[in-house]
PDB file of N, CA and C in Angstrom:
ATOM      1  N   MET A   1      88.591  71.499  82.440  1.00  0.00           N
ATOM      2  CA  MET A   1      87.249  72.044  82.463  1.00  0.00           C
ATOM      3  C   MET A   1      86.867  72.566  83.847  1.00  0.00           C
ATOM      4  N   ALA A   2      87.290  71.896  84.899  1.00  0.00           N
ATOM      5  CA  ALA A   2      86.932  72.306  86.244  1.00  0.00           C
ATOM      6  C   ALA A   2      87.568  73.646  86.599  1.00  0.00           C
ATOM      7  N   VAL A   3      88.769  73.879  86.070  1.00  0.00           N
ATOM      8  CA  VAL A   3      89.456  75.136  86.369  1.00  0.00           C
ATOM      9  C   VAL A   3      88.701  76.305  85.753  1.00  0.00           C
ATOM     10  N   ALA A   4      88.210  76.167  84.538  1.00  0.00           N
ATOM     11  CA  ALA A   4      87.470  77.234  83.866  1.00  0.00           C
ATOM     12  C   ALA A   4      86.190  77.558  84.627  1.00  0.00           C
ATOM     13  N   GLY A   5      85.514  76.544  85.140  1.00  0.00           N
ATOM     14  CA  GLY A   5      84.305  76.768  85.918  1.00  0.00           C
ATOM     15  C   GLY A   5      84.604  77.486  87.213  1.00  0.00           C
ATOM     16  N   ASP A   6      85.702  77.115  87.875  1.00  0.00           N
ATOM     17  CA  ASP A   6      86.095  77.785  89.105  1.00  0.00           C
ATOM     18  C   ASP A   6      86.453  79.244  88.848  1.00  0.00           C
ATOM     19  N   LEU A   7      87.139  79.499  87.758  1.00  0.00           N
ATOM     20  CA  LEU A   7      87.521  80.871  87.424  1.00  0.00           C
ATOM     21  C   LEU A   7      86.289  81.719  87.155  1.00  0.00           C
ATOM     22  N   LEU A   8      85.333  81.161  86.423  1.00  0.00           N
ATOM     23  CA  LEU A   8      84.101  81.890  86.126  1.00  0.00           C
ATOM     24  C   LEU A   8      83.335  82.193  87.417  1.00  0.00           C
ATOM     25  N   THR A   9      83.295  81.239  88.313  1.00  0.00           N
ATOM     26  CA  THR A   9      82.625  81.447  89.602  1.00  0.00           C
ATOM     27  C   THR A   9      83.323  82.539  90.398  1.00  0.00           C
ATOM     28  N   GLN A  10      84.639  82.513  90.441  1.00  0.00           N
ATOM     29  CA  GLN A  10      85.385  83.509  91.202  1.00  0.00           C
ATOM     30  C   GLN A  10      85.223  84.909  90.609  1.00  0.00           C
ATOM     31  N   VAL A  11      85.249  85.004  89.294  1.00  0.00           N
ATOM     32  CA  VAL A  11      85.062  86.300  88.639  1.00  0.00           C
ATOM     33  C   VAL A  11      83.648  86.820  88.890  1.00  0.00           C
ATOM     34  N   SER A  12      82.668  85.937  88.842  1.00  0.00           N
ATOM     35  CA  SER A  12      81.281  86.339  89.108  1.00  0.00           C
ATOM     36  C   SER A  12      81.118  86.831  90.541  1.00  0.00           C
ATOM     37  N   ILE A  13      81.678  86.112  91.485  1.00  0.00           N
ATOM     38  CA  ILE A  13      81.602  86.537  92.887  1.00  0.00           C
ATOM     39  C   ILE A  13      82.316  87.874  93.078  1.00  0.00           C
ATOM     40  N   GLY A  14      83.466  88.050  92.434  1.00  0.00           N
ATOM     41  CA  GLY A  14      84.188  89.314  92.516  1.00  0.00           C
ATOM     42  C   GLY A  14      83.388  90.474  91.937  1.00  0.00           C
ATOM     43  N   ALA A  15      82.714  90.241  90.812  1.00  0.00           N
ATOM     44  CA  ALA A  15      81.904  91.292  90.193  1.00  0.00           C
ATOM     45  C   ALA A  15      80.726  91.673  91.080  1.00  0.00           C
ATOM     46  N   VAL A  16      80.071  90.680  91.660  1.00  0.00           N
ATOM     47  CA  VAL A  16      78.940  90.956  92.555  1.00  0.00           C
ATOM     48  C   VAL A  16      79.425  91.699  93.802  1.00  0.00           C
ATOM     49  N   ALA A  17      80.565  91.293  94.337  1.00  0.00           N
ATOM     50  CA  ALA A  17      81.114  91.952  95.524  1.00  0.00           C
ATOM     51  C   ALA A  17      81.484  93.399  95.216  1.00  0.00           C
ATOM     52  N   LEU A  18      82.094  93.651  94.066  1.00  0.00           N
ATOM     53  CA  LEU A  18      82.456  95.011  93.682  1.00  0.00           C
ATOM     54  C   LEU A  18      81.219  95.886  93.501  1.00  0.00           C
ATOM     55  N   TYR A  19      80.197  95.346  92.840  1.00  0.00           N
ATOM     56  CA  TYR A  19      78.944  96.081  92.653  1.00  0.00           C
ATOM     57  C   TYR A  19      78.308  96.416  94.001  1.00  0.00           C
ATOM     58  N   THR A  20      78.289  95.436  94.900  1.00  0.00           N
ATOM     59  CA  THR A  20      77.708  95.644  96.223  1.00  0.00           C
ATOM     60  C   THR A  20      78.485  96.698  96.993  1.00  0.00           C
ATOM     61  N   LEU A  21      79.804  96.656  96.915  1.00  0.00           N
ATOM     62  CA  LEU A  21      80.638  97.636  97.602  1.00  0.00           C
ATOM     63  C   LEU A  21      80.378  99.049  97.091  1.00  0.00           C
ATOM     64  N   VAL A  22      80.349  99.225  95.792  1.00  0.00           N
ATOM     65  CA  VAL A  22      80.148 100.552  95.204  1.00  0.00           C
ATOM     66  C   VAL A  22      78.746 101.079  95.531  1.00  0.00           C
ATOM     67  N   THR A  23      77.748 100.221  95.430  1.00  0.00           N
ATOM     68  CA  THR A  23      76.371 100.634  95.722  1.00  0.00           C
ATOM     69  C   THR A  23      76.214 101.011  97.193  1.00  0.00           C
ATOM     70  N   ALA A  24      76.744 100.191  98.076  1.00  0.00           N
ATOM     71  CA  ALA A  24      76.633 100.479  99.508  1.00  0.00           C
ATOM     72  C   ALA A  24      77.384 101.758  99.870  1.00  0.00           C
ATOM     73  N   ALA A  25      78.554 101.966  99.291  1.00  0.00           N
ATOM     74  CA  ALA A  25      79.320 103.184  99.575  1.00  0.00           C
ATOM     75  C   ALA A  25      78.577 104.423  99.085  1.00  0.00           C
ATOM     76  N   SER A  26      77.980 104.331  97.919  1.00  0.00           N
ATOM     77  CA  SER A  26      77.228 105.464  97.380  1.00  0.00           C
ATOM     78  C   SER A  26      76.032 105.792  98.267  1.00  0.00           C
ATOM     79  N   ARG A  27      75.317 104.768  98.701  1.00  0.00           N
ATOM     80  CA  ARG A  27      74.168 105.002  99.582  1.00  0.00           C
ATOM     81  C   ARG A  27      74.608 105.574 100.921  1.00  0.00           C
ATOM     82  N   ALA A  28      75.710 105.082 101.444  1.00  0.00           N
ATOM     83  CA  ALA A  28      76.203 105.591 102.731  1.00  0.00           C
ATOM     84  C   ALA A  28      76.588 107.055 102.623  1.00  0.00           C
ATOM     85  N   ILE A  29      77.260 107.430 101.544  1.00  0.00           N
ATOM     86  CA  ILE A  29      77.655 108.828 101.349  1.00  0.00           C
ATOM     87  C   ILE A  29      76.425 109.710 101.185  1.00  0.00           C
ATOM     88  N   ASP A  30      75.444 109.248 100.422  1.00  0.00           N
ATOM     89  CA  ASP A  30      74.218 110.030 100.255  1.00  0.00           C
ATOM     90  C   ASP A  30      73.526 110.267 101.592  1.00  0.00           C
ATOM     91  N   ARG A  31      73.440 109.239 102.409  1.00  0.00           N
ATOM     92  CA  ARG A  31      72.780 109.378 103.714  1.00  0.00           C
ATOM     93  C   ARG A  31      73.597 110.252 104.664  1.00  0.00           C
ATOM     94  N   LEU A  32      74.923 110.115 104.618  1.00  0.00           N
ATOM     95  CA  LEU A  32      75.763 110.962 105.468  1.00  0.00           C
ATOM     96  C   LEU A  32      75.643 112.435 105.080  1.00  0.00           C
ATOM     97  N   LEU A  33      75.612 112.707 103.789  1.00  0.00           N
ATOM     98  CA  LEU A  33      75.479 114.097 103.349  1.00  0.00           C
ATOM     99  C   LEU A  33      74.107 114.663 103.697  1.00  0.00           C
ATOM    100  N   ALA A  34      73.058 113.841 103.598  1.00  0.00           N
ATOM    101  CA  ALA A  34      71.726 114.302 103.986  1.00  0.00           C
ATOM    102  C   ALA A  34      71.677 114.589 105.480  1.00  0.00           C
ATOM    103  N   LEU A  35      72.308 113.738 106.267  1.00  0.00           N
ATOM    104  CA  LEU A  35      72.364 113.943 107.715  1.00  0.00           C
ATOM    105  C   LEU A  35      73.165 115.204 108.049  1.00  0.00           C
ATOM    106  N   ALA A  36      74.264 115.423 107.340  1.00  0.00           N
ATOM    107  CA  ALA A  36      75.076 116.622 107.563  1.00  0.00           C
ATOM    108  C   ALA A  36      74.297 117.880 107.193  1.00  0.00           C
ATOM    109  N   GLU A  37      73.547 117.806 106.112  1.00  0.00           N
ATOM    110  CA  GLU A  37      72.746 118.955 105.705  1.00  0.00           C
ATOM    111  C   GLU A  37      71.633 119.235 106.726  1.00  0.00           C
ATOM    112  N   TYR A  38      71.030 118.190 107.244  1.00  0.00           N
ATOM    113  CA  TYR A  38      69.966 118.345 108.235  1.00  0.00           C
ATOM    114  C   TYR A  38      70.479 119.033 109.502  1.00  0.00           C
ATOM    115  N   TYR A  39      71.668 118.645 109.949  1.00  0.00           N
ATOM    116  CA  TYR A  39      72.250 119.233 111.158  1.00  0.00           C
ATOM    117  C   TYR A  39      73.153 120.433 110.859  1.00  0.00           C
ATOM    118  N   ASN A  40      73.200 120.869 109.609  1.00  0.00           N
ATOM    119  CA  ASN A  40      73.986 122.025 109.184  1.00  0.00           C
ATOM    120  C   ASN A  40      75.475 121.846 109.514  1.00  0.00           C
ATOM    121  N   VAL A  41      76.021 120.687 109.132  1.00  0.00           N
ATOM    122  CA  VAL A  41      77.431 120.380 109.335  1.00  0.00           C
ATOM    123  C   VAL A  41      78.136 120.523 107.986  1.00  0.00           C
ATOM    124  N   ASP A  42      79.334 121.085 108.009  1.00  0.00           N
ATOM    125  CA  ASP A  42      80.101 121.314 106.790  1.00  0.00           C
ATOM    126  C   ASP A  42      80.457 119.986 106.116  1.00  0.00           C
ATOM    127  N   GLU A  43      80.385 119.956 104.785  1.00  0.00           N
ATOM    128  CA  GLU A  43      80.685 118.734 104.027  1.00  0.00           C
ATOM    129  C   GLU A  43      82.141 118.317 104.180  1.00  0.00           C
ATOM    130  N   VAL A  44      83.032 119.268 104.392  1.00  0.00           N
ATOM    131  CA  VAL A  44      84.448 118.931 104.569  1.00  0.00           C
ATOM    132  C   VAL A  44      84.641 118.104 105.835  1.00  0.00           C
ATOM    133  N   LEU A  45      83.922 118.448 106.892  1.00  0.00           N
ATOM    134  CA  LEU A  45      83.998 117.680 108.129  1.00  0.00           C
ATOM    135  C   LEU A  45      83.506 116.249 107.913  1.00  0.00           C
ATOM    136  N   VAL A  46      82.431 116.108 107.159  1.00  0.00           N
ATOM    137  CA  VAL A  46      81.929 114.763 106.848  1.00  0.00           C
ATOM    138  C   VAL A  46      82.958 114.000 106.020  1.00  0.00           C
ATOM    139  N   GLY A  47      83.565 114.672 105.051  1.00  0.00           N
ATOM    140  CA  GLY A  47      84.584 114.021 104.220  1.00  0.00           C
ATOM    141  C   GLY A  47      85.788 113.581 105.026  1.00  0.00           C
ATOM    142  N   LEU A  48      86.233 114.422 105.955  1.00  0.00           N
ATOM    143  CA  LEU A  48      87.367 114.055 106.795  1.00  0.00           C
ATOM    144  C   LEU A  48      87.019 112.895 107.722  1.00  0.00           C
ATOM    145  N   THR A  49      85.781 112.866 108.198  1.00  0.00           N
ATOM    146  CA  THR A  49      85.355 111.756 109.057  1.00  0.00           C
ATOM    147  C   THR A  49      85.321 110.452 108.283  1.00  0.00           C
ATOM    148  N   VAL A  50      84.798 110.492 107.075  1.00  0.00           N
ATOM    149  CA  VAL A  50      84.778 109.292 106.230  1.00  0.00           C
ATOM    150  C   VAL A  50      86.200 108.857 105.902  1.00  0.00           C
ATOM    151  N   LEU A  51      87.065 109.815 105.635  1.00  0.00           N
ATOM    152  CA  LEU A  51      88.464 109.507 105.363  1.00  0.00           C
ATOM    153  C   LEU A  51      89.121 108.848 106.572  1.00  0.00           C
ATOM    154  N   ALA A  52      88.868 109.389 107.750  1.00  0.00           N
ATOM    155  CA  ALA A  52      89.459 108.820 108.963  1.00  0.00           C
ATOM    156  C   ALA A  52      88.962 107.404 109.208  1.00  0.00           C
ATOM    157  N   LEU A  53      87.675 107.194 109.057  1.00  0.00           N
ATOM    158  CA  LEU A  53      87.140 105.839 109.242  1.00  0.00           C
ATOM    159  C   LEU A  53      87.636 104.891 108.160  1.00  0.00           C
ATOM    160  N   GLY A  54      87.682 105.382 106.940  1.00  0.00           N
ATOM    161  CA  GLY A  54      88.124 104.538 105.830  1.00  0.00           C
ATOM    162  C   GLY A  54      89.577 104.113 105.939  1.00  0.00           C
ATOM    163  N   THR A  55      90.403 104.925 106.593  1.00  0.00           N
ATOM    164  CA  THR A  55      91.795 104.536 106.771  1.00  0.00           C
ATOM    165  C   THR A  55      92.029 103.805 108.082  1.00  0.00           C
ATOM    166  N   SER A  56      91.203 104.084 109.080  1.00  0.00           N
ATOM    167  CA  SER A  56      91.431 103.480 110.397  1.00  0.00           C
ATOM    168  C   SER A  56      90.891 102.067 110.514  1.00  0.00           C
ATOM    169  N   LEU A  57      89.716 101.806 109.971  1.00  0.00           N
ATOM    170  CA  LEU A  57      89.126 100.478 110.119  1.00  0.00           C
ATOM    171  C   LEU A  57      89.967  99.369 109.485  1.00  0.00           C
ATOM    172  N   PRO A  58      90.500  99.547 108.278  1.00  0.00           N
ATOM    173  CA  PRO A  58      91.389  98.499 107.753  1.00  0.00           C
ATOM    174  C   PRO A  58      92.655  98.326 108.593  1.00  0.00           C
ATOM    175  N   GLU A  59      93.165  99.434 109.129  1.00  0.00           N
ATOM    176  CA  GLU A  59      94.355  99.344 109.974  1.00  0.00           C
ATOM    177  C   GLU A  59      94.063  98.598 111.271  1.00  0.00           C
ATOM    178  N   LEU A  60      92.883  98.840 111.831  1.00  0.00           N
ATOM    179  CA  LEU A  60      92.512  98.134 113.043  1.00  0.00           C
ATOM    180  C   LEU A  60      92.377  96.633 112.791  1.00  0.00           C
ATOM    181  N   SER A  61      91.786  96.278 111.654  1.00  0.00           N
ATOM    182  CA  SER A  61      91.662  94.853 111.344  1.00  0.00           C
ATOM    183  C   SER A  61      93.029  94.240 111.053  1.00  0.00           C
ATOM    184  N   ALA A  62      93.915  94.985 110.385  1.00  0.00           N
ATOM    185  CA  ALA A  62      95.267  94.478 110.141  1.00  0.00           C
ATOM    186  C   ALA A  62      96.020  94.301 111.452  1.00  0.00           C
ATOM    187  N   HIS A  63      95.822  95.232 112.367  1.00  0.00           N
ATOM    188  CA  HIS A  63      96.474  95.122 113.670  1.00  0.00           C
ATOM    189  C   HIS A  63      95.963  93.914 114.447  1.00  0.00           C
ATOM    190  N   LEU A  64      94.661  93.683 114.385  1.00  0.00           N
ATOM    191  CA  LEU A  64      94.076  92.529 115.073  1.00  0.00           C
ATOM    192  C   LEU A  64      94.618  91.217 114.512  1.00  0.00           C
ATOM    193  N   ILE A  65      94.656  91.109 113.185  1.00  0.00           N
ATOM    194  CA  ILE A  65      95.177  89.896 112.550  1.00  0.00           C
ATOM    195  C   ILE A  65      96.660  89.719 112.860  1.00  0.00           C
ATOM    196  N   ALA A  66      97.408  90.825 112.808  1.00  0.00           N
ATOM    197  CA  ALA A  66      98.838  90.749 113.127  1.00  0.00           C
ATOM    198  C   ALA A  66      99.052  90.339 114.579  1.00  0.00           C
ATOM    199  N   SER A  67      98.252  90.880 115.478  1.00  0.00           N
ATOM    200  CA  SER A  67      98.386  90.522 116.893  1.00  0.00           C
ATOM    201  C   SER A  67      98.096  89.040 117.114  1.00  0.00           C
ATOM    202  N   LEU A  68      97.052  88.547 116.463  1.00  0.00           N
ATOM    203  CA  LEU A  68      96.742  87.122 116.577  1.00  0.00           C
ATOM    204  C   LEU A  68      97.862  86.268 115.995  1.00  0.00           C
ATOM    205  N   GLY A  69      98.469  86.719 114.886  1.00  0.00           N
ATOM    206  CA  GLY A  69      99.594  85.998 114.294  1.00  0.00           C
ATOM    207  C   GLY A  69     100.816  85.998 115.184  1.00  0.00           C
ATOM    208  N   ILE A  70     101.060  87.118 115.846  1.00  0.00           N
ATOM    209  CA  ILE A  70     102.201  87.199 116.768  1.00  0.00           C
ATOM    210  C   ILE A  70     101.970  86.282 117.964  1.00  0.00           C
ATOM    211  N   LEU A  71     100.772  86.319 118.511  1.00  0.00           N
ATOM    212  CA  LEU A  71     100.468  85.485 119.674  1.00  0.00           C
ATOM    213  C   LEU A  71     100.537  83.995 119.354  1.00  0.00           C
ATOM    214  N   SER A  72     100.146  83.637 118.132  1.00  0.00           N
ATOM    215  CA  SER A  72     100.188  82.224 117.763  1.00  0.00           C
ATOM    216  C   SER A  72     101.583  81.788 117.317  1.00  0.00           C
ATOM    217  N   GLY A  73     102.510  82.733 117.130  1.00  0.00           N
ATOM    218  CA  GLY A  73     103.874  82.396 116.758  1.00  0.00           C
ATOM    219  C   GLY A  73     104.105  82.278 115.268  1.00  0.00           C
ATOM    220  N   VAL A  74     103.115  82.629 114.461  1.00  0.00           N
ATOM    221  CA  VAL A  74     103.234  82.517 113.004  1.00  0.00           C
ATOM    222  C   VAL A  74     103.985  83.708 112.407  1.00  0.00           C
ATOM    223  N   LEU A  75     103.808  84.905 112.985  1.00  0.00           N
ATOM    224  CA  LEU A  75     104.411  86.122 112.452  1.00  0.00           C
ATOM    225  C   LEU A  75     105.509  86.638 113.373  1.00  0.00           C
ATOM    226  N   ASP A  76     106.501  87.292 112.768  1.00  0.00           N
ATOM    227  CA  ASP A  76     107.593  87.900 113.522  1.00  0.00           C
ATOM    228  C   ASP A  76     107.103  89.232 114.093  1.00  0.00           C
ATOM    229  N   TYR A  77     107.219  89.433 115.373  1.00  0.00           N
ATOM    230  CA  TYR A  77     106.645  90.612 116.014  1.00  0.00           C
ATOM    231  C   TYR A  77     107.326  91.907 115.592  1.00  0.00           C
ATOM    232  N   GLN A  78     108.635  91.878 115.299  1.00  0.00           N
ATOM    233  CA  GLN A  78     109.329  93.128 114.950  1.00  0.00           C
ATOM    234  C   GLN A  78     108.875  93.654 113.593  1.00  0.00           C
ATOM    235  N   VAL A  79     108.797  92.804 112.616  1.00  0.00           N
ATOM    236  CA  VAL A  79     108.395  93.232 111.274  1.00  0.00           C
ATOM    237  C   VAL A  79     106.919  93.597 111.261  1.00  0.00           C
ATOM    238  N   THR A  80     106.098  92.766 111.844  1.00  0.00           N
ATOM    239  CA  THR A  80     104.660  92.998 111.824  1.00  0.00           C
ATOM    240  C   THR A  80     104.295  94.274 112.557  1.00  0.00           C
ATOM    241  N   SER A  81     104.876  94.525 113.694  1.00  0.00           N
ATOM    242  CA  SER A  81     104.563  95.732 114.460  1.00  0.00           C
ATOM    243  C   SER A  81     104.975  96.989 113.703  1.00  0.00           C
ATOM    244  N   ALA A  82     106.108  96.957 113.040  1.00  0.00           N
ATOM    245  CA  ALA A  82     106.566  98.129 112.288  1.00  0.00           C
ATOM    246  C   ALA A  82     105.619  98.449 111.138  1.00  0.00           C
ATOM    247  N   VAL A  83     105.164  97.439 110.442  1.00  0.00           N
ATOM    248  CA  VAL A  83     104.259  97.664 109.315  1.00  0.00           C
ATOM    249  C   VAL A  83     102.928  98.215 109.804  1.00  0.00           C
ATOM    250  N   VAL A  84     102.392  97.639 110.841  1.00  0.00           N
ATOM    251  CA  VAL A  84     101.086  98.061 111.345  1.00  0.00           C
ATOM    252  C   VAL A  84     101.149  99.456 111.955  1.00  0.00           C
ATOM    253  N   LEU A  85     102.142  99.741 112.753  1.00  0.00           N
ATOM    254  CA  LEU A  85     102.176 100.999 113.490  1.00  0.00           C
ATOM    255  C   LEU A  85     102.538 102.210 112.639  1.00  0.00           C
ATOM    256  N   TRP A  86     103.385 102.059 111.631  1.00  0.00           N
ATOM    257  CA  TRP A  86     103.834 103.224 110.876  1.00  0.00           C
ATOM    258  C   TRP A  86     103.010 103.519 109.643  1.00  0.00           C
ATOM    259  N   ASP A  87     102.099 102.654 109.281  1.00  0.00           N
ATOM    260  CA  ASP A  87     101.310 102.886 108.080  1.00  0.00           C
ATOM    261  C   ASP A  87     100.165 103.861 108.338  1.00  0.00           C
ATOM    262  N   LEU A  88      99.519 103.773 109.478  1.00  0.00           N
ATOM    263  CA  LEU A  88      98.354 104.596 109.772  1.00  0.00           C
ATOM    264  C   LEU A  88      98.659 106.099 109.831  1.00  0.00           C
ATOM    265  N   PRO A  89      99.673 106.556 110.565  1.00  0.00           N
ATOM    266  CA  PRO A  89      99.925 108.008 110.589  1.00  0.00           C
ATOM    267  C   PRO A  89     100.240 108.575 109.201  1.00  0.00           C
ATOM    268  N   PHE A  90     100.938 107.814 108.376  1.00  0.00           N
ATOM    269  CA  PHE A  90     101.247 108.292 107.032  1.00  0.00           C
ATOM    270  C   PHE A  90      99.975 108.464 106.218  1.00  0.00           C
ATOM    271  N   LYS A  91      99.075 107.495 106.267  1.00  0.00           N
ATOM    272  CA  LYS A  91      97.833 107.582 105.491  1.00  0.00           C
ATOM    273  C   LYS A  91      96.974 108.761 105.933  1.00  0.00           C
ATOM    274  N   ILE A  92      96.868 108.964 107.216  1.00  0.00           N
ATOM    275  CA  ILE A  92      96.046 110.071 107.706  1.00  0.00           C
ATOM    276  C   ILE A  92      96.659 111.415 107.311  1.00  0.00           C
ATOM    277  N   ALA A  93      97.958 111.559 107.485  1.00  0.00           N
ATOM    278  CA  ALA A  93      98.621 112.818 107.132  1.00  0.00           C
ATOM    279  C   ALA A  93      98.520 113.093 105.634  1.00  0.00           C
ATOM    280  N   ALA A  94      98.713 112.066 104.820  1.00  0.00           N
ATOM    281  CA  ALA A  94      98.629 112.252 103.369  1.00  0.00           C
ATOM    282  C   ALA A  94      97.210 112.601 102.945  1.00  0.00           C
ATOM    283  N   GLY A  95      96.229 111.931 103.511  1.00  0.00           N
ATOM    284  CA  GLY A  95      94.834 112.194 103.138  1.00  0.00           C
ATOM    285  C   GLY A  95      94.378 113.571 103.535  1.00  0.00           C
ATOM    286  N   VAL A  96      94.665 113.985 104.750  1.00  0.00           N
ATOM    287  CA  VAL A  96      94.267 115.311 105.209  1.00  0.00           C
ATOM    288  C   VAL A  96      95.026 116.379 104.439  1.00  0.00           C
ATOM    289  N   GLY A  97      96.289 116.136 104.152  1.00  0.00           N
ATOM    290  CA  GLY A  97      97.069 117.096 103.382  1.00  0.00           C
ATOM    291  C   GLY A  97      96.530 117.290 101.973  1.00  0.00           C
ATOM    292  N   LEU A  98      96.159 116.202 101.323  1.00  0.00           N
ATOM    293  CA  LEU A  98      95.596 116.316  99.972  1.00  0.00           C
ATOM    294  C   LEU A  98      94.254 117.023  99.988  1.00  0.00           C
ATOM    295  N   LEU A  99      93.424 116.689 100.947  1.00  0.00           N
ATOM    296  CA  LEU A  99      92.110 117.312 101.029  1.00  0.00           C
ATOM    297  C   LEU A  99      92.237 118.805 101.313  1.00  0.00           C
ATOM    298  N   GLY A 100      93.096 119.169 102.267  1.00  0.00           N
ATOM    299  CA  GLY A 100      93.282 120.576 102.593  1.00  0.00           C
ATOM    300  C   GLY A 100      93.925 121.361 101.466  1.00  0.00           C
ATOM    301  N   ARG A 101      94.891 120.761 100.795  1.00  0.00           N
ATOM    302  CA  ARG A 101      95.579 121.435  99.687  1.00  0.00           C
ATOM    303  C   ARG A 101      94.609 121.715  98.550  1.00  0.00           C
ATOM    304  N   THR A 102      93.780 120.745  98.236  1.00  0.00           N
ATOM    305  CA  THR A 102      92.830 120.923  97.144  1.00  0.00           C
ATOM    306  C   THR A 102      91.809 121.993  97.489  1.00  0.00           C
ATOM    307  N   SER A 103      91.309 121.994  98.716  1.00  0.00           N
ATOM    308  CA  SER A 103      90.322 122.983  99.137  1.00  0.00           C
ATOM    309  C   SER A 103      90.932 124.379  99.148  1.00  0.00           C
ATOM    310  N   TYR A 104      92.171 124.510  99.638  1.00  0.00           N
ATOM    311  CA  TYR A 104      92.839 125.806  99.704  1.00  0.00           C
ATOM    312  C   TYR A 104      93.130 126.353  98.315  1.00  0.00           C
ATOM    313  N   ARG A 105      93.594 125.482  97.422  1.00  0.00           N
ATOM    314  CA  ARG A 105      93.974 125.922  96.086  1.00  0.00           C
ATOM    315  C   ARG A 105      92.775 126.441  95.310  1.00  0.00           C
ATOM    316  N   ARG A 106      91.634 125.812  95.482  1.00  0.00           N
ATOM    317  CA  ARG A 106      90.447 126.217  94.738  1.00  0.00           C
ATOM    318  C   ARG A 106      89.730 127.395  95.399  1.00  0.00           C
ATOM    319  N   GLY A 107      90.006 127.646  96.671  1.00  0.00           N
ATOM    320  CA  GLY A 107      89.394 128.760  97.354  1.00  0.00           C
ATOM    321  C   GLY A 107      87.917 128.565  97.650  1.00  0.00           C
ATOM    322  N   ARG A 108      87.467 127.319  97.658  1.00  0.00           N
ATOM    323  CA  ARG A 108      86.062 127.025  97.929  1.00  0.00           C
ATOM    324  C   ARG A 108      85.958 125.618  98.498  1.00  0.00           C
ATOM    325  N   ASP A 109      84.746 125.259  98.898  1.00  0.00           N
ATOM    326  CA  ASP A 109      84.525 123.912  99.411  1.00  0.00           C
ATOM    327  C   ASP A 109      84.644 122.892  98.288  1.00  0.00           C
ATOM    328  N   LEU A 110      85.058 121.703  98.642  1.00  0.00           N
ATOM    329  CA  LEU A 110      85.166 120.640  97.657  1.00  0.00           C
ATOM    330  C   LEU A 110      83.788 120.116  97.280  1.00  0.00           C
ATOM    331  N   THR A 111      83.644 119.756  96.015  1.00  0.00           N
ATOM    332  CA  THR A 111      82.431 119.058  95.633  1.00  0.00           C
ATOM    333  C   THR A 111      82.584 117.585  96.000  1.00  0.00           C
ATOM    334  N   ARG A 112      81.509 116.845  95.917  1.00  0.00           N
ATOM    335  CA  ARG A 112      81.544 115.433  96.278  1.00  0.00           C
ATOM    336  C   ARG A 112      82.502 114.654  95.360  1.00  0.00           C
ATOM    337  N   THR A 113      82.498 114.983  94.080  1.00  0.00           N
ATOM    338  CA  THR A 113      83.367 114.298  93.130  1.00  0.00           C
ATOM    339  C   THR A 113      84.832 114.606  93.409  1.00  0.00           C
ATOM    340  N   GLU A 114      85.145 115.856  93.710  1.00  0.00           N
ATOM    341  CA  GLU A 114      86.521 116.234  93.998  1.00  0.00           C
ATOM    342  C   GLU A 114      87.031 115.544  95.256  1.00  0.00           C
ATOM    343  N   ALA A 115      86.185 115.458  96.285  1.00  0.00           N
ATOM    344  CA  ALA A 115      86.589 114.797  97.511  1.00  0.00           C
ATOM    345  C   ALA A 115      86.803 113.307  97.287  1.00  0.00           C
ATOM    346  N   ALA A 116      86.020 112.706  96.410  1.00  0.00           N
ATOM    347  CA  ALA A 116      86.189 111.271  96.117  1.00  0.00           C
ATOM    348  C   ALA A 116      87.496 111.014  95.382  1.00  0.00           C
ATOM    349  N   ILE A 117      87.905 111.933  94.523  1.00  0.00           N
ATOM    350  CA  ILE A 117      89.153 111.761  93.772  1.00  0.00           C
ATOM    351  C   ILE A 117      90.364 111.899  94.684  1.00  0.00           C
ATOM    352  N   CYS A 118      90.278 112.811  95.672  1.00  0.00           N
ATOM    353  CA  CYS A 118      91.385 113.006  96.603  1.00  0.00           C
ATOM    354  C   CYS A 118      91.617 111.745  97.359  1.00  0.00           C
TER     355      CYS A 118
END
């Protein structure tokens, strides 16, 4: 019985966290687009900035955790450094390539939905 209660609690917390994440992301995008429109900045530039932050911040936190693990002697420095250092350039290149390819192929600016799918 205790396991079922724990599972229900974990699923509930996960659902609330997912809802909060989606709502906060939607509000952030709406405010960023309004700010871009106010300053007459292209939406593609805003999308690329969000993409860069969205890929860089998790990498920075992974690097911090890996560095702390290496310093404490828990993680192997050769494997951890390779994973952390080579993942970021690939993500940025793939993201920018997909965004640029989609924009070029359509011959127009991306809509918000299209940029989210990329």
